[in-house]
C-alpha atoms as a PDB file:
ATOM      1  CA  MET A   1    -136.427-139.544 151.601  1.00  0.00           C
ATOM      2  CA  ALA A   2    -134.490-136.494 150.424  1.00  0.00           C
ATOM      3  CA  THR A   3    -131.607-138.704 149.294  1.00  0.00           C
ATOM      4  CA  THR A   4    -133.966-141.032 147.445  1.00  0.00           C
ATOM      5  CA  ASN A   5    -135.636-138.137 145.670  1.00  0.00           C
ATOM      6  CA  PHE A   6    -132.238-136.779 144.695  1.00  0.00           C
ATOM      7  CA  LEU A   7    -131.143-140.128 143.197  1.00  0.00           C
ATOM      8  CA  VAL A   8    -134.416-140.384 141.305  1.00  0.00           C
ATOM      9  CA  HIS A   9    -133.783-137.097 139.570  1.00  0.00           C
ATOM     10  CA  GLU A  10    -130.016-137.799 139.100  1.00  0.00           C
ATOM     11  CA  LYS A  11    -129.083-139.317 135.728  1.00  0.00           C
ATOM     12  CA  ILE A  12    -126.947-142.332 136.847  1.00  0.00           C
ATOM     13  CA  TRP A  13    -126.724-145.571 134.849  1.00  0.00           C
ATOM     14  CA  PHE A  14    -127.001-148.227 137.576  1.00  0.00           C
ATOM     15  CA  ASP A  15    -127.775-151.120 135.190  1.00  0.00           C
ATOM     16  CA  LYS A  16    -124.826-150.655 132.806  1.00  0.00           C
ATOM     17  CA  PHE A  17    -123.332-154.105 133.599  1.00  0.00           C
ATOM     18  CA  LYS A  18    -126.575-155.773 132.459  1.00  0.00           C
ATOM     19  CA  TYR A  19    -126.383-154.074 129.096  1.00  0.00           C
ATOM     20  CA  ASP A  20    -122.685-155.003 128.777  1.00  0.00           C
ATOM     21  CA  ASP A  21    -123.492-158.710 129.374  1.00  0.00           C
ATOM     22  CA  ALA A  22    -126.298-158.601 126.851  1.00  0.00           C
ATOM     23  CA  GLU A  23    -124.015-156.994 124.247  1.00  0.00           C
ATOM     24  CA  ARG A  24    -121.287-159.613 124.841  1.00  0.00           C
ATOM     25  CA  LYS A  25    -123.767-162.483 124.475  1.00  0.00           C
ATOM     26  CA  PHE A  26    -125.092-160.983 121.246  1.00  0.00           C
ATOM     27  CA  TYR A  27    -121.640-160.835 119.666  1.00  0.00           C
ATOM     28  CA  GLU A  28    -120.853-164.410 120.865  1.00  0.00           C
ATOM     29  CA  GLN A  29    -123.983-165.684 119.169  1.00  0.00           C
ATOM     30  CA  MET A  30    -123.081-163.836 115.983  1.00  0.00           C
ATOM     31  CA  ASN A  31    -119.383-164.977 115.838  1.00  0.00           C
ATOM     32  CA  GLY A  32    -119.536-168.188 117.827  1.00  0.00           C
ATOM     33  CA  PRO A  33    -118.061-168.907 121.246  1.00  0.00           C
ATOM     34  CA  VAL A  34    -114.302-168.310 121.649  1.00  0.00           C
ATOM     35  CA  ALA A  35    -112.393-170.417 124.139  1.00  0.00           C
ATOM     36  CA  GLY A  36    -109.803-168.999 126.510  1.00  0.00           C
ATOM     37  CA  GLY A  37    -106.994-171.259 125.197  1.00  0.00           C
ATOM     38  CA  SER A  38    -107.613-170.252 121.592  1.00  0.00           C
ATOM     39  CA  ARG A  39    -107.409-166.595 122.622  1.00  0.00           C
ATOM     40  CA  GLN A  40    -103.981-167.183 124.184  1.00  0.00           C
ATOM     41  CA  ASP A  41    -102.821-169.083 121.083  1.00  0.00           C
ATOM     42  CA  ASN A  42    -103.925-166.224 118.844  1.00  0.00           C
ATOM     43  CA  GLY A  43    -102.024-163.691 121.011  1.00  0.00           C
ATOM     44  CA  ALA A  44     -98.835-165.809 120.950  1.00  0.00           C
ATOM     45  CA  SER A  45     -99.053-166.288 117.188  1.00  0.00           C
ATOM     46  CA  VAL A  46     -99.432-162.541 116.725  1.00  0.00           C
ATOM     47  CA  ILE A  47     -96.293-161.917 118.842  1.00  0.00           C
ATOM     48  CA  LEU A  48     -94.326-164.525 116.875  1.00  0.00           C
ATOM     49  CA  ARG A  49     -95.378-162.983 113.577  1.00  0.00           C
ATOM     50  CA  ASP A  50     -94.243-159.544 114.814  1.00  0.00           C
ATOM     51  CA  ILE A  51     -90.876-160.954 115.880  1.00  0.00           C
ATOM     52  CA  ALA A  52     -90.347-162.676 112.526  1.00  0.00           C
ATOM     53  CA  ARG A  53     -91.302-159.514 110.674  1.00  0.00           C
ATOM     54  CA  ALA A  54     -88.842-157.470 112.780  1.00  0.00           C
ATOM     55  CA  ARG A  55     -86.034-159.936 112.031  1.00  0.00           C
ATOM     56  CA  GLU A  56     -86.728-159.704 108.287  1.00  0.00           C
ATOM     57  CA  ASN A  57     -86.644-155.908 108.456  1.00  0.00           C
ATOM     58  CA  ILE A  58     -83.314-155.969 110.330  1.00  0.00           C
ATOM     59  CA  GLN A  59     -81.779-158.374 107.771  1.00  0.00           C
ATOM     60  CA  LYS A  60     -82.987-156.222 104.875  1.00  0.00           C
ATOM     61  CA  SER A  61     -81.574-153.031 106.446  1.00  0.00           C
ATOM     62  CA  LEU A  62     -78.204-154.717 107.037  1.00  0.00           C
ATOM     63  CA  ALA A  63     -78.085-155.997 103.472  1.00  0.00           C
ATOM     64  CA  GLY A  64     -78.958-152.534 102.099  1.00  0.00           C
ATOM     65  CA  SER A  65     -76.299-150.734 104.220  1.00  0.00           C
ATOM     66  CA  SER A  66     -73.523-153.176 103.293  1.00  0.00           C
ATOM     67  CA  GLY A  67     -74.198-152.826  99.548  1.00  0.00           C
ATOM     68  CA  PRO A  68     -73.401-155.266  96.721  1.00  0.00           C
ATOM     69  CA  GLY A  69     -69.630-154.690  96.930  1.00  0.00           C
ATOM     70  CA  ALA A  70     -69.316-154.866 100.706  1.00  0.00           C
ATOM     71  CA  SER A  71     -67.864-157.897 102.395  1.00  0.00           C
ATOM     72  CA  SER A  72     -70.398-159.998 104.311  1.00  0.00           C
ATOM     73  CA  GLY A  73     -69.913-162.454 107.080  1.00  0.00           C
ATOM     74  CA  PRO A  74     -67.328-162.699 109.852  1.00  0.00           C
ATOM     75  CA  GLY A  75     -64.433-162.610 107.389  1.00  0.00           C
ATOM     76  CA  GLY A  76     -65.430-159.148 106.131  1.00  0.00           C
ATOM     77  CA  ASP A  77     -65.841-157.798 109.677  1.00  0.00           C
ATOM     78  CA  HIS A  78     -62.427-159.166 110.635  1.00  0.00           C
ATOM     79  CA  SER A  79     -60.719-157.458 107.682  1.00  0.00           C
ATOM     80  CA  GLU A  80     -62.414-154.172 108.481  1.00  0.00           C
ATOM     81  CA  LEU A  81     -61.171-154.345 112.058  1.00  0.00           C
ATOM     82  CA  ILE A  82     -57.633-155.055 110.826  1.00  0.00           C
ATOM     83  CA  VAL A  83     -57.726-151.983 108.573  1.00  0.00           C
ATOM     84  CA  ARG A  84     -58.944-149.771 111.386  1.00  0.00           C
ATOM     85  CA  ILE A  85     -56.294-151.085 113.775  1.00  0.00           C
ATOM     86  CA  ALA A  86     -53.580-150.405 111.205  1.00  0.00           C
ATOM     87  CA  SER A  87     -54.770-146.829 110.728  1.00  0.00           C
ATOM     88  CA  LEU A  88     -54.843-146.288 114.486  1.00  0.00           C
ATOM     89  CA  GLU A  89     -51.269-147.592 114.775  1.00  0.00           C
ATOM     90  CA  VAL A  90     -50.126-145.136 112.083  1.00  0.00           C
ATOM     91  CA  GLU A  91     -51.814-142.259 113.902  1.00  0.00           C
ATOM     92  CA  ASN A  92     -50.225-143.410 117.146  1.00  0.00           C
ATOM     93  CA  GLN A  93     -46.761-143.380 115.564  1.00  0.00           C
ATOM     94  CA  ASN A  94     -47.331-139.879 114.169  1.00  0.00           C
ATOM     95  CA  LEU A  95     -48.423-138.625 117.571  1.00  0.00           C
ATOM     96  CA  ARG A  96     -45.352-140.166 119.168  1.00  0.00           C
ATOM     97  CA  GLY A  97     -43.136-138.324 116.664  1.00  0.00           C
ATOM     98  CA  VAL A  98     -44.875-135.023 117.454  1.00  0.00           C
ATOM     99  CA  VAL A  99     -44.454-135.603 121.185  1.00  0.00           C
ATOM    100  CA  GLN A 100     -40.751-136.335 120.731  1.00  0.00           C
ATOM    101  CA  ASP A 101     -40.276-133.137 118.711  1.00  0.00           C
ATOM    102  CA  LEU A 102     -42.026-131.135 121.418  1.00  0.00           C
ATOM    103  CA  GLN A 103     -39.850-132.695 124.097  1.00  0.00           C
ATOM    104  CA  GLN A 104     -36.687-131.825 122.164  1.00  0.00           C
ATOM    105  CA  ALA A 105     -37.843-128.232 121.671  1.00  0.00           C
ATOM    106  CA  ILE A 106     -38.621-127.903 125.393  1.00  0.00           C
ATOM    107  CA  SER A 107     -35.190-129.264 126.299  1.00  0.00           C
ATOM    108  CA  ARG A 108     -33.505-126.752 123.959  1.00  0.00           C
ATOM    109  CA  LEU A 109     -35.524-123.897 125.471  1.00  0.00           C
ATOM    110  CA  GLU A 110     -34.547-125.008 128.959  1.00  0.00           C
ATOM    111  CA  ALA A 111     -30.877-125.080 127.949  1.00  0.00           C
ATOM    112  CA  ARG A 112     -31.078-121.555 126.482  1.00  0.00           C
ATOM    113  CA  LEU A 113     -32.876-120.304 129.601  1.00  0.00           C
ATOM    114  CA  SER A 114     -30.178-121.743 131.841  1.00  0.00           C
ATOM    115  CA  THR A 115     -27.432-120.058 129.794  1.00  0.00           C
ATOM    116  CA  LEU A 116     -29.284-116.730 129.919  1.00  0.00           C
ATOM    117  CA  GLU A 117     -29.711-116.999 133.668  1.00  0.00           C
ATOM    118  CA  LYS A 118     -25.995-117.724 134.061  1.00  0.00           C
ATOM    119  CA  SER A 119     -25.062-114.693 131.921  1.00  0.00           C
ATOM    120  CA  SER A 120     -27.438-112.264 133.730  1.00  0.00           C
ATOM    121  CA  PRO A 121     -25.922-109.461 135.953  1.00  0.00           C
ATOM    122  CA  THR A 122     -27.591-110.783 139.099  1.00  0.00           C
ATOM    123  CA  HIS A 123     -25.994-114.157 138.546  1.00  0.00           C
ATOM    124  CA  ARG A 124     -22.589-112.550 138.133  1.00  0.00           C
ATOM    125  CA  ALA A 125     -23.088-110.578 141.356  1.00  0.00           C
ATOM    126  CA  THR A 126     -24.120-113.649 143.336  1.00  0.00           C
ATOM    127  CA  ALA A 127     -21.522-115.986 141.831  1.00  0.00           C
ATOM    128  CA  PRO A 128     -18.414-114.017 140.857  1.00  0.00           C
ATOM    129  CA  GLN A 129     -16.257-117.158 140.602  1.00  0.00           C
ATOM    130  CA  THR A 130     -18.258-118.238 137.491  1.00  0.00           C
ATOM    131  CA  GLN A 131     -18.243-114.788 135.868  1.00  0.00           C
ATOM    132  CA  HIS A 132     -19.454-114.850 132.263  1.00  0.00           C
ATOM    133  CA  VAL A 133     -17.497-112.750 129.769  1.00  0.00           C
ATOM    134  CA  SER A 134     -19.721-110.996 127.244  1.00  0.00           C
ATOM    135  CA  PRO A 135     -18.585-110.360 123.641  1.00  0.00           C
ATOM    136  CA  MET A 136     -18.140-106.640 124.451  1.00  0.00           C
ATOM    137  CA  ARG A 137     -15.641-107.538 127.207  1.00  0.00           C
ATOM    138  CA  GLN A 138     -13.674-109.721 124.780  1.00  0.00           C
ATOM    139  CA  ALA A 139     -13.376-106.868 122.292  1.00  0.00           C
ATOM    140  CA  GLU A 140     -11.690-104.619 124.896  1.00  0.00           C
ATOM    141  CA  PRO A 141      -7.890-104.321 124.821  1.00  0.00           C
ATOM    142  CA  PRO A 142      -6.049-106.845 126.996  1.00  0.00           C
ATOM    143  CA  THR A 143      -4.221-104.087 128.930  1.00  0.00           C
ATOM    144  CA  LYS A 144      -7.443-102.991 130.610  1.00  0.00           C
ATOM    145  CA  LYS A 145      -7.994-104.543 134.009  1.00  0.00           C
ATOM    146  CA  ALA A 146     -11.048-106.654 134.715  1.00  0.00           C
ATOM    147  CA  ALA A 147     -14.047-104.765 135.991  1.00  0.00           C
ATOM    148  CA  THR A 148     -15.318-105.386 139.493  1.00  0.00           C
ATOM    149  CA  PRO A 149     -18.909-106.500 140.159  1.00  0.00           C
ATOM    150  CA  ALA A 150     -19.775-102.989 141.437  1.00  0.00           C
ATOM    151  CA  GLU A 151     -18.537-101.429 138.174  1.00  0.00           C
ATOM    152  CA  ASP A 152     -20.556-104.007 136.221  1.00  0.00           C
ATOM    153  CA  ASP A 153     -23.650-102.980 138.131  1.00  0.00           C
ATOM    154  CA  GLU A 154     -22.978 -99.308 137.362  1.00  0.00           C
ATOM    155  CA  ASP A 155     -22.523-100.118 133.683  1.00  0.00           C
ATOM    156  CA  ASN A 156     -25.749-102.063 133.676  1.00  0.00           C
ATOM    157  CA  ASP A 157     -27.590 -99.141 135.295  1.00  0.00           C
ATOM    158  CA  ILE A 158     -26.616 -96.888 132.387  1.00  0.00           C
ATOM    159  CA  ASP A 159     -29.381 -96.641 129.818  1.00  0.00           C
ATOM    160  CA  LEU A 160     -27.713 -97.202 126.459  1.00  0.00           C
ATOM    161  CA  PHE A 161     -30.775 -95.892 124.619  1.00  0.00           C
ATOM    162  CA  GLY A 162     -31.321 -92.817 126.787  1.00  0.00           C
ATOM    163  CA  SER A 163     -28.623 -90.774 125.049  1.00  0.00           C
ATOM    164  CA  ASP A 164     -30.151 -91.496 121.660  1.00  0.00           C
ATOM    165  CA  GLU A 165     -33.562 -90.393 122.890  1.00  0.00           C
ATOM    166  CA  GLU A 166     -32.105 -87.184 124.356  1.00  0.00           C
ATOM    167  CA  GLU A 167     -30.322 -86.428 121.090  1.00  0.00           C
ATOM    168  CA  GLU A 168     -33.560 -87.040 119.172  1.00  0.00           C
ATOM    169  CA  ASP A 169     -35.451 -84.698 121.521  1.00  0.00           C
ATOM    170  CA  LYS A 170     -32.798 -81.984 121.079  1.00  0.00           C
ATOM    171  CA  GLU A 171     -32.883 -82.386 117.308  1.00  0.00           C
ATOM    172  CA  ALA A 172     -36.707 -82.187 117.264  1.00  0.00           C
ATOM    173  CA  ALA A 173     -36.633 -79.060 119.446  1.00  0.00           C
ATOM    174  CA  ARG A 174     -34.045 -77.447 117.181  1.00  0.00           C
ATOM    175  CA  LEU A 175     -36.113 -78.191 114.064  1.00  0.00           C
ATOM    176  CA  ARG A 176     -39.256 -76.809 115.748  1.00  0.00           C
ATOM    177  CA  GLU A 177     -37.484 -73.589 116.714  1.00  0.00           C
ATOM    178  CA  GLU A 178     -36.055 -73.230 113.214  1.00  0.00           C
ATOM    179  CA  ARG A 179     -39.500 -73.635 111.630  1.00  0.00           C
ATOM    180  CA  LEU A 180     -41.048 -71.134 114.050  1.00  0.00           C
ATOM    181  CA  ARG A 181     -38.338 -68.621 113.232  1.00  0.00           C
ATOM    182  CA  GLN A 182     -38.890 -69.084 109.482  1.00  0.00           C
ATOM    183  CA  TYR A 183     -42.636 -68.691 109.927  1.00  0.00           C
ATOM    184  CA  ALA A 184     -42.179 -65.487 111.928  1.00  0.00           C
ATOM    185  CA  GLU A 185     -39.854 -64.036 109.285  1.00  0.00           C
ATOM    186  CA  LYS A 186     -42.264 -64.945 106.510  1.00  0.00           C
ATOM    187  CA  LYS A 187     -45.159 -63.394 108.390  1.00  0.00           C
ATOM    188  CA  ALA A 188     -43.176 -60.217 109.029  1.00  0.00           C
ATOM    189  CA  LYS A 189     -42.360 -59.834 105.332  1.00  0.00           C
ATOM    190  CA  LYS A 190     -45.979 -60.367 104.302  1.00  0.00           C
ATOM    191  CA  PRO A 191     -47.892 -57.069 104.089  1.00  0.00           C
ATOM    192  CA  LEU A 192     -50.649 -56.699 106.628  1.00  0.00           C
ATOM    193  CA  LEU A 193     -54.199 -56.290 105.422  1.00  0.00           C
ATOM    194  CA  VAL A 194     -55.652 -52.920 106.472  1.00  0.00           C
ATOM    195  CA  ALA A 195     -59.337 -52.901 107.273  1.00  0.00           C
ATOM    196  CA  LYS A 196     -61.028 -50.003 105.494  1.00  0.00           C
ATOM    197  CA  SER A 197     -64.581 -48.721 105.220  1.00  0.00           C
ATOM    198  CA  SER A 198     -66.429 -46.597 102.704  1.00  0.00           C
ATOM    199  CA  ILE A 199     -68.763 -44.037 104.305  1.00  0.00           C
ATOM    200  CA  LEU A 200     -71.366 -41.800 102.663  1.00  0.00           C
ATOM    201  CA  LEU A 201     -72.161 -38.776 104.870  1.00  0.00           C
ATOM    202  CA  ASP A 202     -75.193 -36.479 104.741  1.00  0.00           C
ATOM    203  CA  VAL A 203     -74.232 -32.998 106.042  1.00  0.00           C
ATOM    204  CA  LYS A 204     -77.306 -30.789 106.551  1.00  0.00           C
ATOM    205  CA  PRO A 205     -77.150 -26.952 106.764  1.00  0.00           C
ATOM    206  CA  TRP A 206     -79.262 -24.655 108.946  1.00  0.00           C
ATOM    207  CA  ASP A 207     -81.336 -23.106 106.167  1.00  0.00           C
ATOM    208  CA  ASP A 208     -81.370 -22.269 102.474  1.00  0.00           C
ATOM    209  CA  GLU A 209     -79.138 -19.238 102.973  1.00  0.00           C
ATOM    210  CA  THR A 210     -76.141 -21.316 104.106  1.00  0.00           C
ATOM    211  CA  ASP A 211     -73.156 -21.151 101.716  1.00  0.00           C
ATOM    212  CA  MET A 212     -72.840 -24.817 100.619  1.00  0.00           C
ATOM    213  CA  ALA A 213     -69.466 -24.219  98.973  1.00  0.00           C
ATOM    214  CA  GLN A 214     -68.092 -22.875 102.228  1.00  0.00           C
ATOM    215  CA  LEU A 215     -69.662 -25.812 104.084  1.00  0.00           C
ATOM    216  CA  GLU A 216     -67.952 -28.322 101.761  1.00  0.00           C
ATOM    217  CA  ALA A 217     -64.653 -26.530 102.146  1.00  0.00           C
ATOM    218  CA  CYS A 218     -64.985 -26.776 105.925  1.00  0.00           C
ATOM    219  CA  VAL A 219     -65.697 -30.506 105.745  1.00  0.00           C
ATOM    220  CA  ARG A 220     -62.756 -31.178 103.418  1.00  0.00           C
ATOM    221  CA  SER A 221     -60.487 -29.164 105.670  1.00  0.00           C
ATOM    222  CA  ILE A 222     -60.543 -32.049 108.130  1.00  0.00           C
ATOM    223  CA  GLN A 223     -57.326 -33.976 107.385  1.00  0.00           C
ATOM    224  CA  LEU A 224     -56.544 -37.132 109.380  1.00  0.00           C
ATOM    225  CA  ASP A 225     -54.202 -40.084 109.012  1.00  0.00           C
ATOM    226  CA  GLY A 226     -56.299 -42.822 107.414  1.00  0.00           C
ATOM    227  CA  LEU A 227     -58.963 -40.451 106.007  1.00  0.00           C
ATOM    228  CA  VAL A 228     -59.453 -39.837 102.275  1.00  0.00           C
ATOM    229  CA  TRP A 229     -62.249 -37.601 100.955  1.00  0.00           C
ATOM    230  CA  GLY A 230     -64.035 -38.577  97.756  1.00  0.00           C
ATOM    231  CA  ALA A 231     -66.762 -37.204  95.479  1.00  0.00           C
ATOM    232  CA  SER A 232     -69.564 -34.994  96.728  1.00  0.00           C
ATOM    233  CA  LYS A 233     -72.854 -33.569  95.507  1.00  0.00           C
ATOM    234  CA  LEU A 234     -75.715 -31.377  96.642  1.00  0.00           C
ATOM    235  CA  VAL A 235     -79.047 -33.132  97.128  1.00  0.00           C
ATOM    236  CA  PRO A 236     -82.309 -31.127  97.455  1.00  0.00           C
ATOM    237  CA  VAL A 237     -84.183 -31.662 100.709  1.00  0.00           C
ATOM    238  CA  GLY A 238     -87.164 -29.275 100.381  1.00  0.00           C
ATOM    239  CA  TYR A 239     -88.132 -25.576 100.625  1.00  0.00           C
ATOM    240  CA  GLY A 240     -85.009 -24.656  98.733  1.00  0.00           C
ATOM    241  CA  ILE A 241     -82.720 -26.373 101.228  1.00  0.00           C
ATOM    242  CA  ARG A 242     -79.991 -28.660  99.926  1.00  0.00           C
ATOM    243  CA  LYS A 243     -77.743 -31.045 101.847  1.00  0.00           C
ATOM    244  CA  LEU A 244     -74.131 -32.008 101.145  1.00  0.00           C
ATOM    245  CA  GLN A 245     -73.634 -35.686 100.383  1.00  0.00           C
ATOM    246  CA  ILE A 246     -69.916 -36.537 100.473  1.00  0.00           C
ATOM    247  CA  GLN A 247     -68.011 -39.815 100.155  1.00  0.00           C
ATOM    248  CA  CYS A 248     -64.941 -40.760 102.223  1.00  0.00           C
ATOM    249  CA  VAL A 249     -62.737 -43.822 102.892  1.00  0.00           C
ATOM    250  CA  VAL A 250     -61.347 -44.413 106.385  1.00  0.00           C
ATOM    251  CA  GLU A 251     -59.066 -46.966 108.006  1.00  0.00           C
ATOM    252  CA  ASP A 252     -60.976 -48.642 110.799  1.00  0.00           C
ATOM    253  CA  ASP A 253     -58.028 -48.741 113.190  1.00  0.00           C
ATOM    254  CA  LYS A 254     -57.232 -45.035 112.782  1.00  0.00           C
ATOM    255  CA  VAL A 255     -60.486 -43.163 112.171  1.00  0.00           C
ATOM    256  CA  GLY A 256     -63.839 -43.831 113.798  1.00  0.00           C
ATOM    257  CA  THR A 257     -67.245 -42.667 112.630  1.00  0.00           C
ATOM    258  CA  ASP A 258     -68.039 -40.990 115.954  1.00  0.00           C
ATOM    259  CA  PHE A 259     -64.818 -39.018 115.885  1.00  0.00           C
ATOM    260  CA  LEU A 260     -65.460 -37.953 112.295  1.00  0.00           C
ATOM    261  CA  GLU A 261     -68.991 -36.730 113.111  1.00  0.00           C
ATOM    262  CA  GLU A 262     -67.683 -34.718 116.070  1.00  0.00           C
ATOM    263  CA  GLU A 263     -65.082 -33.042 113.889  1.00  0.00           C
ATOM    264  CA  ILE A 264     -67.670 -32.023 111.260  1.00  0.00           C
ATOM    265  CA  THR A 265     -70.224 -30.732 113.773  1.00  0.00           C
ATOM    266  CA  LYS A 266     -67.572 -28.379 115.187  1.00  0.00           C
ATOM    267  CA  PHE A 267     -68.422 -26.076 112.280  1.00  0.00           C
ATOM    268  CA  GLU A 268     -71.575 -24.887 114.037  1.00  0.00           C
ATOM    269  CA  GLU A 269     -72.118 -21.842 111.797  1.00  0.00           C
ATOM    270  CA  HIS A 270     -72.662 -24.004 108.711  1.00  0.00           C
ATOM    271  CA  VAL A 271     -73.517 -27.520 109.916  1.00  0.00           C
ATOM    272  CA  GLN A 272     -76.745 -28.439 111.620  1.00  0.00           C
ATOM    273  CA  SER A 273     -76.322 -32.234 111.744  1.00  0.00           C
ATOM    274  CA  VAL A 274     -74.394 -35.151 110.231  1.00  0.00           C
ATOM    275  CA  ASP A 275     -75.898 -38.539 109.335  1.00  0.00           C
ATOM    276  CA  ILE A 276     -74.348 -41.698 107.882  1.00  0.00           C
ATOM    277  CA  ALA A 277     -76.272 -42.547 104.727  1.00  0.00           C
ATOM    278  CA  ALA A 278     -74.227 -45.661 103.809  1.00  0.00           C
ATOM    279  CA  PHE A 279     -71.457 -47.701 105.433  1.00  0.00           C
ATOM    280  CA  ASN A 280     -69.608 -50.508 103.589  1.00  0.00           C
ATOM    281  CA  LYS A 281     -66.536 -52.552 104.446  1.00  0.00           C
ATOM    282  CA  ILE A 282     -63.781 -52.643 101.811  1.00  0.00           C
END
């Protein structure tokens, strides 16, 4: 009962064949009955028409590809084959000529290789009875005795190009040394640049009663190699006190700022302190 209820609710078309038969009968009544033999004849005629149409299409395509000036029929095909065969024969002859040329070239290379092998030092050492005389041996005077195979090996061991390379190396070394010597002489003649500095010093006294003229004389009394004193002036500081501002030029390698300050501060009766107001490289 559960299966029956399920099939009742399921949407399945059990009577479809009945409706198909009714539809077929309806169309037979409308168009008339069609026999089985006539159906086969209609199918065969359709196939024959398709075959005939295909043949016509093939003939038209062949006629269009051959063109109006092309040869038609078996005679034209035969002539075309003859032309192609003739061209192939010509190509074959050309290839044969190329092969013959290659064979001749290979034979010449083999002959040259055999002559080179015969004239090599190893061949002379292994077969002294067929010793090959090089052009250099022919140019030697006839009074000189023939060289033995051991001497030939020693001559062959000598590097003919080594001497040239050694001479070139010696020449290059000589030129390099000559250029270095010229550069050193030129550098020695050229005057050396001396690094100098311009310094502006502020020399301060103890009080306003200090003799500034005496203080300046003490500062200028310092004489060093590489030290040149310049202009000076008195600059007011305050409360009637003036400081000595003096210019000097020093060579950096000979006179240092620390050493110069120590020398000035040695005048303790007049100098309280020394400051560098300006420092410029020249």
